[in-house]
Amino acid sequence: MTSPETLIRYWFKFDLTLDDPHPGGVLLGCGVTAYSYDDAVALLKQRLFVRHSFPKITKVTENVDVSSLDQNHVLPNMEVPIHRGIWFPRGY
């Protein structure tokens, strides 16, 4: 069990295709650091999926090891995942 101050890194995968309306960069997944799963989903809805429907989540990895993520696209294009917020895609 985590304390309220503990941040957790999450990696979300969604049921999305190129034909589905979506924010840029999310086909690979989204990285979020948050206090809980519900906090992470709230951040995604409030900051990333503002103009798009929130898609079905197909997979969530809690405490994701960022070194296991895509070396060519995710790692070079992500924010530092130590603060509360969305770290992939950047800018949200």
C-alpha atoms as a PDB file:
ATOM      1  CA  MET A   1       0.000   0.000   0.000  1.00  0.00           C
ATOM      2  CA  THR A   2       1.276   3.462  -0.874  1.00  0.00           C
ATOM      3  CA  SER A   3       0.969   6.640   1.137  1.00  0.00           C
ATOM      4  CA  PRO A   4      -0.882   9.604  -0.400  1.00  0.00           C
ATOM      5  CA  GLU A   5       2.442  11.340  -1.113  1.00  0.00           C
ATOM      6  CA  THR A   6       3.856   8.435  -3.100  1.00  0.00           C
ATOM      7  CA  LEU A   7       3.913   8.923  -6.862  1.00  0.00           C
ATOM      8  CA  ILE A   8       3.508   5.955  -9.195  1.00  0.00           C
ATOM      9  CA  ARG A   9       4.575   5.718 -12.851  1.00  0.00           C
ATOM     10  CA  TYR A  10       1.871   4.295 -15.138  1.00  0.00           C
ATOM     11  CA  TRP A  11       1.993   3.267 -18.777  1.00  0.00           C
ATOM     12  CA  PHE A  12      -1.388   3.138 -20.520  1.00  0.00           C
ATOM     13  CA  LYS A  13      -2.240   1.416 -23.801  1.00  0.00           C
ATOM     14  CA  PHE A  14      -5.500   2.235 -25.560  1.00  0.00           C
ATOM     15  CA  ASP A  15      -7.848   0.664 -28.084  1.00  0.00           C
ATOM     16  CA  LEU A  16      -7.015   3.184 -30.844  1.00  0.00           C
ATOM     17  CA  THR A  17      -6.175   3.026 -34.541  1.00  0.00           C
ATOM     18  CA  LEU A  18      -4.923   5.650 -36.977  1.00  0.00           C
ATOM     19  CA  ASP A  19      -8.532   6.141 -38.111  1.00  0.00           C
ATOM     20  CA  ASP A  20      -9.765   7.012 -34.607  1.00  0.00           C
ATOM     21  CA  PRO A  21      -9.697  10.687 -33.598  1.00  0.00           C
ATOM     22  CA  HIS A  22      -6.992  11.014 -30.949  1.00  0.00           C
ATOM     23  CA  PRO A  23      -4.337  13.376 -29.588  1.00  0.00           C
ATOM     24  CA  GLY A  24      -0.960  13.106 -31.290  1.00  0.00           C
ATOM     25  CA  GLY A  25       1.477  10.545 -29.955  1.00  0.00           C
ATOM     26  CA  VAL A  26      -0.926   8.311 -28.056  1.00  0.00           C
ATOM     27  CA  LEU A  27      -0.948   5.316 -30.413  1.00  0.00           C
ATOM     28  CA  LEU A  28       2.218   4.056 -28.708  1.00  0.00           C
ATOM     29  CA  GLY A  29       0.696   4.659 -25.279  1.00  0.00           C
ATOM     30  CA  CYS A  30       0.797   7.293 -22.557  1.00  0.00           C
ATOM     31  CA  GLY A  31       3.018   7.729 -19.555  1.00  0.00           C
ATOM     32  CA  VAL A  32       1.632   9.321 -16.413  1.00  0.00           C
ATOM     33  CA  THR A  33       3.017   9.806 -12.937  1.00  0.00           C
ATOM     34  CA  ALA A  34       0.252  10.125 -10.366  1.00  0.00           C
ATOM     35  CA  TYR A  35      -0.816   9.363  -6.809  1.00  0.00           C
ATOM     36  CA  SER A  36      -3.103   6.520  -7.895  1.00  0.00           C
ATOM     37  CA  TYR A  37      -4.682   4.850 -10.923  1.00  0.00           C
ATOM     38  CA  ASP A  38      -7.745   7.104 -10.578  1.00  0.00           C
ATOM     39  CA  ASP A  39      -5.524  10.189 -10.350  1.00  0.00           C
ATOM     40  CA  ALA A  40      -3.665   9.090 -13.516  1.00  0.00           C
ATOM     41  CA  VAL A  41      -6.902   8.576 -15.455  1.00  0.00           C
ATOM     42  CA  ALA A  42      -8.156  11.970 -14.270  1.00  0.00           C
ATOM     43  CA  LEU A  43      -4.962  13.630 -15.538  1.00  0.00           C
ATOM     44  CA  LEU A  44      -5.372  11.948 -18.917  1.00  0.00           C
ATOM     45  CA  LYS A  45      -8.989  13.096 -19.203  1.00  0.00           C
ATOM     46  CA  GLN A  46      -8.292  16.650 -17.984  1.00  0.00           C
ATOM     47  CA  ARG A  47      -5.093  17.349 -19.910  1.00  0.00           C
ATOM     48  CA  LEU A  48      -4.733  15.006 -22.872  1.00  0.00           C
ATOM     49  CA  PHE A  49      -8.168  13.851 -24.015  1.00  0.00           C
ATOM     50  CA  VAL A  50      -9.797  17.276 -23.723  1.00  0.00           C
ATOM     51  CA  ARG A  51     -10.978  17.431 -27.353  1.00  0.00           C
ATOM     52  CA  HIS A  52     -11.291  13.684 -27.944  1.00  0.00           C
ATOM     53  CA  SER A  53     -13.351  10.891 -26.439  1.00  0.00           C
ATOM     54  CA  PHE A  54     -11.499   8.947 -23.797  1.00  0.00           C
ATOM     55  CA  PRO A  55     -10.673   5.569 -25.391  1.00  0.00           C
ATOM     56  CA  LYS A  56     -10.954   2.137 -23.864  1.00  0.00           C
ATOM     57  CA  ILE A  57      -7.851   1.291 -21.837  1.00  0.00           C
ATOM     58  CA  THR A  58      -6.474  -2.067 -22.970  1.00  0.00           C
ATOM     59  CA  LYS A  59      -3.481  -2.346 -20.650  1.00  0.00           C
ATOM     60  CA  VAL A  60      -1.992  -0.524 -17.681  1.00  0.00           C
ATOM     61  CA  THR A  61       1.484  -1.104 -16.288  1.00  0.00           C
ATOM     62  CA  GLU A  62       1.944   0.216 -12.774  1.00  0.00           C
ATOM     63  CA  ASN A  63       5.492   1.144 -11.712  1.00  0.00           C
ATOM     64  CA  VAL A  64       6.597   0.849 -15.327  1.00  0.00           C
ATOM     65  CA  ASP A  65      10.328   0.564 -15.924  1.00  0.00           C
ATOM     66  CA  VAL A  66      10.783   3.326 -18.492  1.00  0.00           C
ATOM     67  CA  SER A  67      13.829   1.588 -19.946  1.00  0.00           C
ATOM     68  CA  SER A  68      11.440  -1.129 -21.189  1.00  0.00           C
ATOM     69  CA  LEU A  69       9.537   1.360 -23.370  1.00  0.00           C
ATOM     70  CA  ASP A  70      10.145   2.035 -27.065  1.00  0.00           C
ATOM     71  CA  GLN A  71      13.788   3.074 -27.441  1.00  0.00           C
ATOM     72  CA  ASN A  72      13.293   4.948 -30.732  1.00  0.00           C
ATOM     73  CA  HIS A  73      10.179   6.998 -30.076  1.00  0.00           C
ATOM     74  CA  VAL A  74       9.148   7.039 -26.414  1.00  0.00           C
ATOM     75  CA  LEU A  75      12.449   7.413 -24.569  1.00  0.00           C
ATOM     76  CA  PRO A  76      13.879  10.275 -26.654  1.00  0.00           C
ATOM     77  CA  ASN A  77      10.547  12.151 -26.610  1.00  0.00           C
ATOM     78  CA  MET A  78       9.387  11.892 -23.009  1.00  0.00           C
ATOM     79  CA  GLU A  79       9.504  14.263 -20.061  1.00  0.00           C
ATOM     80  CA  VAL A  80      11.253  13.255 -16.848  1.00  0.00           C
ATOM     81  CA  PRO A  81       8.740  10.943 -15.103  1.00  0.00           C
ATOM     82  CA  ILE A  82       9.443  11.972 -11.506  1.00  0.00           C
ATOM     83  CA  HIS A  83       6.773  14.671 -11.152  1.00  0.00           C
ATOM     84  CA  ARG A  84       3.002  14.316 -11.127  1.00  0.00           C
ATOM     85  CA  GLY A  85       1.732  14.671 -14.682  1.00  0.00           C
ATOM     86  CA  ILE A  86       1.822  13.258 -18.188  1.00  0.00           C
ATOM     87  CA  TRP A  87       5.348  12.535 -19.373  1.00  0.00           C
ATOM     88  CA  PHE A  88       4.517  10.888 -22.690  1.00  0.00           C
ATOM     89  CA  PRO A  89       3.505  12.349 -25.007  1.00  0.00           C
ATOM     90  CA  ARG A  90       5.213  15.613 -24.114  1.00  0.00           C
ATOM     91  CA  GLY A  91       3.477  18.899 -23.597  1.00  0.00           C
ATOM     92  CA  TYR A  92       0.414  17.840 -21.632  1.00  0.00           C
END
